[in-house]
Amino acid sequence: VLGTAGGMSSKEVIAGFNSSLFVTMVGV
């Protein structure tokens, strides 16, 4: 919400999300 309100596209917001870290945290 904050990224899109700040003028970023959905693709740019998602690109900032570290999926590898997410998978590690979910796995642990």
mmCIF file of all heavy atoms, coordinates in Angstrom:
data_MODEL
# 
_entry.id   MODEL 
# 
loop_
_atom_site.group_PDB 
_atom_site.id 
_atom_site.type_symbol 
_atom_site.label_atom_id 
_atom_site.label_alt_id 
_atom_site.label_comp_id 
_atom_site.label_asym_id 
_atom_site.label_entity_id 
_atom_site.label_seq_id 
_atom_site.pdbx_PDB_ins_code 
_atom_site.Cartn_x 
_atom_site.Cartn_y 
_atom_site.Cartn_z 
_atom_site.occupancy 
_atom_site.B_iso_or_equiv 
_atom_site.pdbx_formal_charge 
_atom_site.auth_seq_id 
_atom_site.auth_comp_id 
_atom_site.auth_asym_id 
_atom_site.auth_atom_id 
_atom_site.pdbx_PDB_model_num 
ATOM 1   N N   . VAL A 1 1  ? 0.840  -1.211  0.000   1.00 0.00 ? 1  VAL A N   1 
ATOM 2   C CA  . VAL A 1 1  ? 0.000  0.000   0.000   1.00 0.00 ? 1  VAL A CA  1 
ATOM 3   C C   . VAL A 1 1  ? 0.872  1.257   0.000   1.00 0.00 ? 1  VAL A C   1 
ATOM 4   O O   . VAL A 1 1  ? 0.644  2.196   -0.771  1.00 0.00 ? 1  VAL A O   1 
ATOM 5   C CB  . VAL A 1 1  ? -0.961 -0.006  1.215   1.00 0.00 ? 1  VAL A CB  1 
ATOM 6   C CG1 . VAL A 1 1  ? -1.646 1.331   1.389   1.00 0.00 ? 1  VAL A CG1 1 
ATOM 7   C CG2 . VAL A 1 1  ? -1.979 -1.121  1.073   1.00 0.00 ? 1  VAL A CG2 1 
ATOM 8   N N   . LEU A 1 2  ? 1.894  1.262   0.847   1.00 0.00 ? 2  LEU A N   1 
ATOM 9   C CA  . LEU A 1 2  ? 2.779  2.423   0.942   1.00 0.00 ? 2  LEU A CA  1 
ATOM 10  C C   . LEU A 1 2  ? 3.555  2.645   -0.358  1.00 0.00 ? 2  LEU A C   1 
ATOM 11  O O   . LEU A 1 2  ? 3.706  3.788   -0.811  1.00 0.00 ? 2  LEU A O   1 
ATOM 12  C CB  . LEU A 1 2  ? 3.750  2.233   2.112   1.00 0.00 ? 2  LEU A CB  1 
ATOM 13  C CG  . LEU A 1 2  ? 4.587  3.428   2.515   1.00 0.00 ? 2  LEU A CG  1 
ATOM 14  C CD1 . LEU A 1 2  ? 3.701  4.570   2.995   1.00 0.00 ? 2  LEU A CD1 1 
ATOM 15  C CD2 . LEU A 1 2  ? 5.557  3.035   3.614   1.00 0.00 ? 2  LEU A CD2 1 
ATOM 16  N N   . GLY A 1 3  ? 4.041  1.548   -0.959  1.00 0.00 ? 3  GLY A N   1 
ATOM 17  C CA  . GLY A 1 3  ? 4.791  1.665   -2.213  1.00 0.00 ? 3  GLY A CA  1 
ATOM 18  C C   . GLY A 1 3  ? 3.948  2.202   -3.344  1.00 0.00 ? 3  GLY A C   1 
ATOM 19  O O   . GLY A 1 3  ? 4.376  3.095   -4.089  1.00 0.00 ? 3  GLY A O   1 
ATOM 20  N N   . THR A 1 4  ? 2.732  1.676   -3.488  1.00 0.00 ? 4  THR A N   1 
ATOM 21  C CA  . THR A 1 4  ? 1.866  2.159   -4.563  1.00 0.00 ? 4  THR A CA  1 
ATOM 22  C C   . THR A 1 4  ? 1.407  3.589   -4.300  1.00 0.00 ? 4  THR A C   1 
ATOM 23  O O   . THR A 1 4  ? 1.269  4.379   -5.234  1.00 0.00 ? 4  THR A O   1 
ATOM 24  C CB  . THR A 1 4  ? 0.648  1.224   -4.760  1.00 0.00 ? 4  THR A CB  1 
ATOM 25  O OG1 . THR A 1 4  ? -0.019 1.054   -3.523  1.00 0.00 ? 4  THR A OG1 1 
ATOM 26  C CG2 . THR A 1 4  ? 1.082  -0.115  -5.311  1.00 0.00 ? 4  THR A CG2 1 
ATOM 27  N N   . ALA A 1 5  ? 1.202  3.937   -3.023  1.00 0.00 ? 5  ALA A N   1 
ATOM 28  C CA  . ALA A 1 5  ? 0.836  5.326   -2.694  1.00 0.00 ? 5  ALA A CA  1 
ATOM 29  C C   . ALA A 1 5  ? 1.990  6.274   -2.963  1.00 0.00 ? 5  ALA A C   1 
ATOM 30  O O   . ALA A 1 5  ? 1.775  7.445   -3.279  1.00 0.00 ? 5  ALA A O   1 
ATOM 31  C CB  . ALA A 1 5  ? 0.414  5.417   -1.225  1.00 0.00 ? 5  ALA A CB  1 
ATOM 32  N N   . GLY A 1 6  ? 3.220  5.759   -2.863  1.00 0.00 ? 6  GLY A N   1 
ATOM 33  C CA  . GLY A 1 6  ? 4.406  6.581   -3.120  1.00 0.00 ? 6  GLY A CA  1 
ATOM 34  C C   . GLY A 1 6  ? 4.788  6.675   -4.583  1.00 0.00 ? 6  GLY A C   1 
ATOM 35  O O   . GLY A 1 6  ? 5.819  7.251   -4.919  1.00 0.00 ? 6  GLY A O   1 
ATOM 36  N N   . GLY A 1 7  ? 3.994  6.069   -5.469  1.00 0.00 ? 7  GLY A N   1 
ATOM 37  C CA  . GLY A 1 7  ? 4.249  6.194   -6.894  1.00 0.00 ? 7  GLY A CA  1 
ATOM 38  C C   . GLY A 1 7  ? 4.979  5.016   -7.516  1.00 0.00 ? 7  GLY A C   1 
ATOM 39  O O   . GLY A 1 7  ? 5.329  5.064   -8.693  1.00 0.00 ? 7  GLY A O   1 
ATOM 40  N N   . MET A 1 8  ? 5.209  3.955   -6.759  1.00 0.00 ? 8  MET A N   1 
ATOM 41  C CA  . MET A 1 8  ? 5.871  2.775   -7.323  1.00 0.00 ? 8  MET A CA  1 
ATOM 42  C C   . MET A 1 8  ? 4.824  1.890   -7.998  1.00 0.00 ? 8  MET A C   1 
ATOM 43  O O   . MET A 1 8  ? 3.673  1.830   -7.576  1.00 0.00 ? 8  MET A O   1 
ATOM 44  C CB  . MET A 1 8  ? 6.574  1.974   -6.218  1.00 0.00 ? 8  MET A CB  1 
ATOM 45  C CG  . MET A 1 8  ? 7.720  2.691   -5.558  1.00 0.00 ? 8  MET A CG  1 
ATOM 46  S SD  . MET A 1 8  ? 8.408  1.794   -4.140  1.00 0.00 ? 8  MET A SD  1 
ATOM 47  C CE  . MET A 1 8  ? 9.198  0.428   -4.965  1.00 0.00 ? 8  MET A CE  1 
ATOM 48  N N   . SER A 1 9  ? 5.267  1.170   -9.027  1.00 0.00 ? 9  SER A N   1 
ATOM 49  C CA  . SER A 1 9  ? 4.362  0.216   -9.665  1.00 0.00 ? 9  SER A CA  1 
ATOM 50  C C   . SER A 1 9  ? 4.324  -1.058  -8.815  1.00 0.00 ? 9  SER A C   1 
ATOM 51  O O   . SER A 1 9  ? 5.188  -1.287  -7.978  1.00 0.00 ? 9  SER A O   1 
ATOM 52  C CB  . SER A 1 9  ? 4.849  -0.118  -11.076 1.00 0.00 ? 9  SER A CB  1 
ATOM 53  O OG  . SER A 1 9  ? 6.043  -0.865  -11.018 1.00 0.00 ? 9  SER A OG  1 
ATOM 54  N N   . SER A 1 10 ? 3.321  -1.874  -9.074  1.00 0.00 ? 10 SER A N   1 
ATOM 55  C CA  . SER A 1 10 ? 3.211  -3.145  -8.347  1.00 0.00 ? 10 SER A CA  1 
ATOM 56  C C   . SER A 1 10 ? 4.443  -4.003  -8.563  1.00 0.00 ? 10 SER A C   1 
ATOM 57  O O   . SER A 1 10 ? 4.931  -4.674  -7.651  1.00 0.00 ? 10 SER A O   1 
ATOM 58  C CB  . SER A 1 10 ? 1.977  -3.915  -8.800  1.00 0.00 ? 10 SER A CB  1 
ATOM 59  O OG  . SER A 1 10 ? 0.820  -3.194  -8.506  1.00 0.00 ? 10 SER A OG  1 
ATOM 60  N N   . LYS A 1 11 ? 4.972  -3.986  -9.775  1.00 0.00 ? 11 LYS A N   1 
ATOM 61  C CA  . LYS A 1 11 ? 6.156  -4.775  -10.119 1.00 0.00 ? 11 LYS A CA  1 
ATOM 62  C C   . LYS A 1 11 ? 7.374  -4.318  -9.313  1.00 0.00 ? 11 LYS A C   1 
ATOM 63  O O   . LYS A 1 11 ? 8.161  -5.131  -8.844  1.00 0.00 ? 11 LYS A O   1 
ATOM 64  C CB  . LYS A 1 11 ? 6.430  -4.639  -11.613 1.00 0.00 ? 11 LYS A CB  1 
ATOM 65  C CG  . LYS A 1 11 ? 7.097  -5.816  -12.238 1.00 0.00 ? 11 LYS A CG  1 
ATOM 66  C CD  . LYS A 1 11 ? 7.220  -5.630  -13.728 1.00 0.00 ? 11 LYS A CD  1 
ATOM 67  C CE  . LYS A 1 11 ? 6.625  -6.854  -14.380 1.00 0.00 ? 11 LYS A CE  1 
ATOM 68  N NZ  . LYS A 1 11 ? 6.740  -6.846  -15.816 1.00 0.00 ? 11 LYS A NZ  1 
ATOM 69  N N   . GLU A 1 12 ? 7.529  -3.009  -9.133  1.00 0.00 ? 12 GLU A N   1 
ATOM 70  C CA  . GLU A 1 12 ? 8.653  -2.471  -8.360  1.00 0.00 ? 12 GLU A CA  1 
ATOM 71  C C   . GLU A 1 12 ? 8.541  -2.836  -6.880  1.00 0.00 ? 12 GLU A C   1 
ATOM 72  O O   . GLU A 1 12 ? 9.538  -3.157  -6.232  1.00 0.00 ? 12 GLU A O   1 
ATOM 73  C CB  . GLU A 1 12 ? 8.723  -0.946  -8.494  1.00 0.00 ? 12 GLU A CB  1 
ATOM 74  C CG  . GLU A 1 12 ? 9.152  -0.468  -9.853  1.00 0.00 ? 12 GLU A CG  1 
ATOM 75  C CD  . GLU A 1 12 ? 9.044  1.039   -9.999  1.00 0.00 ? 12 GLU A CD  1 
ATOM 76  O OE1 . GLU A 1 12 ? 8.035  1.618   -9.534  1.00 0.00 ? 12 GLU A OE1 1 
ATOM 77  O OE2 . GLU A 1 12 ? 9.969  1.638   -10.574 1.00 0.00 ? 12 GLU A OE2 1 
ATOM 78  N N   . VAL A 1 13 ? 7.332  -2.805  -6.361  1.00 0.00 ? 13 VAL A N   1 
ATOM 79  C CA  . VAL A 1 13 ? 7.127  -3.169  -4.958  1.00 0.00 ? 13 VAL A CA  1 
ATOM 80  C C   . VAL A 1 13 ? 7.469  -4.644  -4.745  1.00 0.00 ? 13 VAL A C   1 
ATOM 81  O O   . VAL A 1 13 ? 8.198  -5.001  -3.816  1.00 0.00 ? 13 VAL A O   1 
ATOM 82  C CB  . VAL A 1 13 ? 5.671  -2.884  -4.503  1.00 0.00 ? 13 VAL A CB  1 
ATOM 83  C CG1 . VAL A 1 13 ? 5.416  -3.421  -3.112  1.00 0.00 ? 13 VAL A CG1 1 
ATOM 84  C CG2 . VAL A 1 13 ? 5.383  -1.391  -4.559  1.00 0.00 ? 13 VAL A CG2 1 
ATOM 85  N N   . ILE A 1 14 ? 6.991  -5.498  -5.631  1.00 0.00 ? 14 ILE A N   1 
ATOM 86  C CA  . ILE A 1 14 ? 7.239  -6.935  -5.513  1.00 0.00 ? 14 ILE A CA  1 
ATOM 87  C C   . ILE A 1 14 ? 8.725  -7.247  -5.709  1.00 0.00 ? 14 ILE A C   1 
ATOM 88  O O   . ILE A 1 14 ? 9.266  -8.150  -5.073  1.00 0.00 ? 14 ILE A O   1 
ATOM 89  C CB  . ILE A 1 14 ? 6.344  -7.720  -6.493  1.00 0.00 ? 14 ILE A CB  1 
ATOM 90  C CG1 . ILE A 1 14 ? 4.885  -7.586  -6.044  1.00 0.00 ? 14 ILE A CG1 1 
ATOM 91  C CG2 . ILE A 1 14 ? 6.753  -9.182  -6.590  1.00 0.00 ? 14 ILE A CG2 1 
ATOM 92  C CD1 . ILE A 1 14 ? 3.873  -8.099  -7.025  1.00 0.00 ? 14 ILE A CD1 1 
ATOM 93  N N   . ALA A 1 15 ? 9.412  -6.492  -6.560  1.00 0.00 ? 15 ALA A N   1 
ATOM 94  C CA  . ALA A 1 15 ? 10.846 -6.710  -6.789  1.00 0.00 ? 15 ALA A CA  1 
ATOM 95  C C   . ALA A 1 15 ? 11.661 -6.458  -5.517  1.00 0.00 ? 15 ALA A C   1 
ATOM 96  O O   . ALA A 1 15 ? 12.734 -7.044  -5.329  1.00 0.00 ? 15 ALA A O   1 
ATOM 97  C CB  . ALA A 1 15 ? 11.344 -5.810  -7.911  1.00 0.00 ? 15 ALA A CB  1 
ATOM 98  N N   . GLY A 1 16 ? 11.161 -5.639  -4.612  1.00 0.00 ? 16 GLY A N   1 
ATOM 99  C CA  . GLY A 1 16 ? 11.864 -5.369  -3.361  1.00 0.00 ? 16 GLY A CA  1 
ATOM 100 C C   . GLY A 1 16 ? 11.664 -6.437  -2.305  1.00 0.00 ? 16 GLY A C   1 
ATOM 101 O O   . GLY A 1 16 ? 12.298 -6.410  -1.252  1.00 0.00 ? 16 GLY A O   1 
ATOM 102 N N   . PHE A 1 17 ? 10.808 -7.397  -2.588  1.00 0.00 ? 17 PHE A N   1 
ATOM 103 C CA  . PHE A 1 17 ? 10.507 -8.462  -1.633  1.00 0.00 ? 17 PHE A CA  1 
ATOM 104 C C   . PHE A 1 17 ? 11.493 -9.602  -1.827  1.00 0.00 ? 17 PHE A C   1 
ATOM 105 O O   . PHE A 1 17 ? 11.610 -10.161 -2.914  1.00 0.00 ? 17 PHE A O   1 
ATOM 106 C CB  . PHE A 1 17 ? 9.073  -8.950  -1.848  1.00 0.00 ? 17 PHE A CB  1 
ATOM 107 C CG  . PHE A 1 17 ? 8.616  -9.983  -0.867  1.00 0.00 ? 17 PHE A CG  1 
ATOM 108 C CD1 . PHE A 1 17 ? 8.404  -9.645  0.459   1.00 0.00 ? 17 PHE A CD1 1 
ATOM 109 C CD2 . PHE A 1 17 ? 8.403  -11.293 -1.262  1.00 0.00 ? 17 PHE A CD2 1 
ATOM 110 C CE1 . PHE A 1 17 ? 7.978  -10.587 1.370   1.00 0.00 ? 17 PHE A CE1 1 
ATOM 111 C CE2 . PHE A 1 17 ? 7.983  -12.241 -0.362  1.00 0.00 ? 17 PHE A CE2 1 
ATOM 112 C CZ  . PHE A 1 17 ? 7.763  -11.893 0.960   1.00 0.00 ? 17 PHE A CZ  1 
ATOM 113 N N   . ASN A 1 18 ? 12.203 -9.979  -0.777  1.00 0.00 ? 18 ASN A N   1 
ATOM 114 C CA  . ASN A 1 18 ? 13.211 -11.035 -0.844  1.00 0.00 ? 18 ASN A CA  1 
ATOM 115 C C   . ASN A 1 18 ? 12.530 -12.391 -0.673  1.00 0.00 ? 18 ASN A C   1 
ATOM 116 O O   . ASN A 1 18 ? 12.282 -12.837 0.438   1.00 0.00 ? 18 ASN A O   1 
ATOM 117 C CB  . ASN A 1 18 ? 14.265 -10.806 0.241   1.00 0.00 ? 18 ASN A CB  1 
ATOM 118 C CG  . ASN A 1 18 ? 15.431 -11.742 0.117   1.00 0.00 ? 18 ASN A CG  1 
ATOM 119 O OD1 . ASN A 1 18 ? 15.325 -12.831 -0.434  1.00 0.00 ? 18 ASN A OD1 1 
ATOM 120 N ND2 . ASN A 1 18 ? 16.555 -11.311 0.640   1.00 0.00 ? 18 ASN A ND2 1 
ATOM 121 N N   . SER A 1 19 ? 12.231 -13.040 -1.795  1.00 0.00 ? 19 SER A N   1 
ATOM 122 C CA  . SER A 1 19 ? 11.505 -14.312 -1.740  1.00 0.00 ? 19 SER A CA  1 
ATOM 123 C C   . SER A 1 19 ? 12.354 -15.424 -1.122  1.00 0.00 ? 19 SER A C   1 
ATOM 124 O O   . SER A 1 19 ? 11.828 -16.318 -0.469  1.00 0.00 ? 19 SER A O   1 
ATOM 125 C CB  . SER A 1 19 ? 11.021 -14.709 -3.131  1.00 0.00 ? 19 SER A CB  1 
ATOM 126 O OG  . SER A 1 19 ? 12.125 -14.815 -4.014  1.00 0.00 ? 19 SER A OG  1 
ATOM 127 N N   . SER A 1 20 ? 13.662 -15.379 -1.309  1.00 0.00 ? 20 SER A N   1 
ATOM 128 C CA  . SER A 1 20 ? 14.534 -16.400 -0.728  1.00 0.00 ? 20 SER A CA  1 
ATOM 129 C C   . SER A 1 20 ? 14.483 -16.353 0.802   1.00 0.00 ? 20 SER A C   1 
ATOM 130 O O   . SER A 1 20 ? 14.382 -17.395 1.460   1.00 0.00 ? 20 SER A O   1 
ATOM 131 C CB  . SER A 1 20 ? 15.962 -16.190 -1.212  1.00 0.00 ? 20 SER A CB  1 
ATOM 132 O OG  . SER A 1 20 ? 16.840 -17.063 -0.557  1.00 0.00 ? 20 SER A OG  1 
ATOM 133 N N   . LEU A 1 21 ? 14.546 -15.147 1.357   1.00 0.00 ? 21 LEU A N   1 
ATOM 134 C CA  . LEU A 1 21 ? 14.455 -15.000 2.807   1.00 0.00 ? 21 LEU A CA  1 
ATOM 135 C C   . LEU A 1 21 ? 13.086 -15.447 3.305   1.00 0.00 ? 21 LEU A C   1 
ATOM 136 O O   . LEU A 1 21 ? 12.978 -16.107 4.334   1.00 0.00 ? 21 LEU A O   1 
ATOM 137 C CB  . LEU A 1 21 ? 14.723 -13.551 3.218   1.00 0.00 ? 21 LEU A CB  1 
ATOM 138 C CG  . LEU A 1 21 ? 14.635 -13.230 4.698   1.00 0.00 ? 21 LEU A CG  1 
ATOM 139 C CD1 . LEU A 1 21 ? 15.665 -14.034 5.488   1.00 0.00 ? 21 LEU A CD1 1 
ATOM 140 C CD2 . LEU A 1 21 ? 14.850 -11.744 4.923   1.00 0.00 ? 21 LEU A CD2 1 
ATOM 141 N N   . PHE A 1 22 ? 12.046 -15.130 2.553   1.00 0.00 ? 22 PHE A N   1 
ATOM 142 C CA  . PHE A 1 22 ? 10.694 -15.537 2.921   1.00 0.00 ? 22 PHE A CA  1 
ATOM 143 C C   . PHE A 1 22 ? 10.583 -17.056 2.989   1.00 0.00 ? 22 PHE A C   1 
ATOM 144 O O   . PHE A 1 22 ? 10.055 -17.610 3.952   1.00 0.00 ? 22 PHE A O   1 
ATOM 145 C CB  . PHE A 1 22 ? 9.681  -14.968 1.926   1.00 0.00 ? 22 PHE A CB  1 
ATOM 146 C CG  . PHE A 1 22 ? 8.269  -15.415 2.182   1.00 0.00 ? 22 PHE A CG  1 
ATOM 147 C CD1 . PHE A 1 22 ? 7.540  -14.878 3.223   1.00 0.00 ? 22 PHE A CD1 1 
ATOM 148 C CD2 . PHE A 1 22 ? 7.675  -16.384 1.381   1.00 0.00 ? 22 PHE A CD2 1 
ATOM 149 C CE1 . PHE A 1 22 ? 6.240  -15.281 3.474   1.00 0.00 ? 22 PHE A CE1 1 
ATOM 150 C CE2 . PHE A 1 22 ? 6.377  -16.795 1.616   1.00 0.00 ? 22 PHE A CE2 1 
ATOM 151 C CZ  . PHE A 1 22 ? 5.659  -16.246 2.664   1.00 0.00 ? 22 PHE A CZ  1 
ATOM 152 N N   . VAL A 1 23 ? 11.099 -17.741 1.969   1.00 0.00 ? 23 VAL A N   1 
ATOM 153 C CA  . VAL A 1 23 ? 11.040 -19.203 1.942   1.00 0.00 ? 23 VAL A CA  1 
ATOM 154 C C   . VAL A 1 23 ? 11.838 -19.777 3.115   1.00 0.00 ? 23 VAL A C   1 
ATOM 155 O O   . VAL A 1 23 ? 11.398 -20.731 3.765   1.00 0.00 ? 23 VAL A O   1 
ATOM 156 C CB  . VAL A 1 23 ? 11.553 -19.747 0.587   1.00 0.00 ? 23 VAL A CB  1 
ATOM 157 C CG1 . VAL A 1 23 ? 11.760 -21.253 0.624   1.00 0.00 ? 23 VAL A CG1 1 
ATOM 158 C CG2 . VAL A 1 23 ? 10.592 -19.375 -0.522  1.00 0.00 ? 23 VAL A CG2 1 
ATOM 159 N N   . THR A 1 24 ? 12.991 -19.189 3.424   1.00 0.00 ? 24 THR A N   1 
ATOM 160 C CA  . THR A 1 24 ? 13.796 -19.646 4.554   1.00 0.00 ? 24 THR A CA  1 
ATOM 161 C C   . THR A 1 24 ? 13.017 -19.500 5.856   1.00 0.00 ? 24 THR A C   1 
ATOM 162 O O   . THR A 1 24 ? 12.967 -20.428 6.673   1.00 0.00 ? 24 THR A O   1 
ATOM 163 C CB  . THR A 1 24 ? 15.114 -18.840 4.648   1.00 0.00 ? 24 THR A CB  1 
ATOM 164 O OG1 . THR A 1 24 ? 15.851 -19.040 3.452   1.00 0.00 ? 24 THR A OG1 1 
ATOM 165 C CG2 . THR A 1 24 ? 15.943 -19.265 5.842   1.00 0.00 ? 24 THR A CG2 1 
ATOM 166 N N   . MET A 1 25 ? 12.405 -18.339 6.055   1.00 0.00 ? 25 MET A N   1 
ATOM 167 C CA  . MET A 1 25 ? 11.665 -18.099 7.292   1.00 0.00 ? 25 MET A CA  1 
ATOM 168 C C   . MET A 1 25 ? 10.449 -19.012 7.411   1.00 0.00 ? 25 MET A C   1 
ATOM 169 O O   . MET A 1 25 ? 10.173 -19.556 8.480   1.00 0.00 ? 25 MET A O   1 
ATOM 170 C CB  . MET A 1 25 ? 11.256 -16.630 7.390   1.00 0.00 ? 25 MET A CB  1 
ATOM 171 C CG  . MET A 1 25 ? 12.452 -15.719 7.592   1.00 0.00 ? 25 MET A CG  1 
ATOM 172 S SD  . MET A 1 25 ? 12.031 -13.979 7.547   1.00 0.00 ? 25 MET A SD  1 
ATOM 173 C CE  . MET A 1 25 ? 11.098 -13.802 9.032   1.00 0.00 ? 25 MET A CE  1 
ATOM 174 N N   . VAL A 1 26 ? 9.733  -19.201 6.314   1.00 0.00 ? 26 VAL A N   1 
ATOM 175 C CA  . VAL A 1 26 ? 8.572  -20.092 6.342   1.00 0.00 ? 26 VAL A CA  1 
ATOM 176 C C   . VAL A 1 26 ? 9.025  -21.519 6.615   1.00 0.00 ? 26 VAL A C   1 
ATOM 177 O O   . VAL A 1 26 ? 8.419  -22.233 7.415   1.00 0.00 ? 26 VAL A O   1 
ATOM 178 C CB  . VAL A 1 26 ? 7.758  -20.006 5.021   1.00 0.00 ? 26 VAL A CB  1 
ATOM 179 C CG1 . VAL A 1 26 ? 6.739  -21.123 4.919   1.00 0.00 ? 26 VAL A CG1 1 
ATOM 180 C CG2 . VAL A 1 26 ? 7.072  -18.661 4.916   1.00 0.00 ? 26 VAL A CG2 1 
ATOM 181 N N   . GLY A 1 27 ? 10.119 -21.933 5.971   1.00 0.00 ? 27 GLY A N   1 
ATOM 182 C CA  . GLY A 1 27 ? 10.636 -23.285 6.177   1.00 0.00 ? 27 GLY A CA  1 
ATOM 183 C C   . GLY A 1 27 ? 11.055 -23.528 7.620   1.00 0.00 ? 27 GLY A C   1 
ATOM 184 O O   . GLY A 1 27 ? 10.718 -24.554 8.209   1.00 0.00 ? 27 GLY A O   1 
ATOM 185 N N   . VAL A 1 28 ? 11.779 -22.570 8.199   1.00 0.00 ? 28 VAL A N   1 
ATOM 186 C CA  . VAL A 1 28 ? 12.218 -22.721 9.586   1.00 0.00 ? 28 VAL A CA  1 
ATOM 187 C C   . VAL A 1 28 ? 11.026 -22.697 10.532  1.00 0.00 ? 28 VAL A C   1 
ATOM 188 O O   . VAL A 1 28 ? 10.956 -23.478 11.483  1.00 0.00 ? 28 VAL A O   1 
ATOM 189 C CB  . VAL A 1 28 ? 13.255 -21.631 9.947   1.00 0.00 ? 28 VAL A CB  1 
ATOM 190 C CG1 . VAL A 1 28 ? 13.532 -21.612 11.433  1.00 0.00 ? 28 VAL A CG1 1 
ATOM 191 C CG2 . VAL A 1 28 ? 14.541 -21.859 9.180   1.00 0.00 ? 28 VAL A CG2 1 
# 
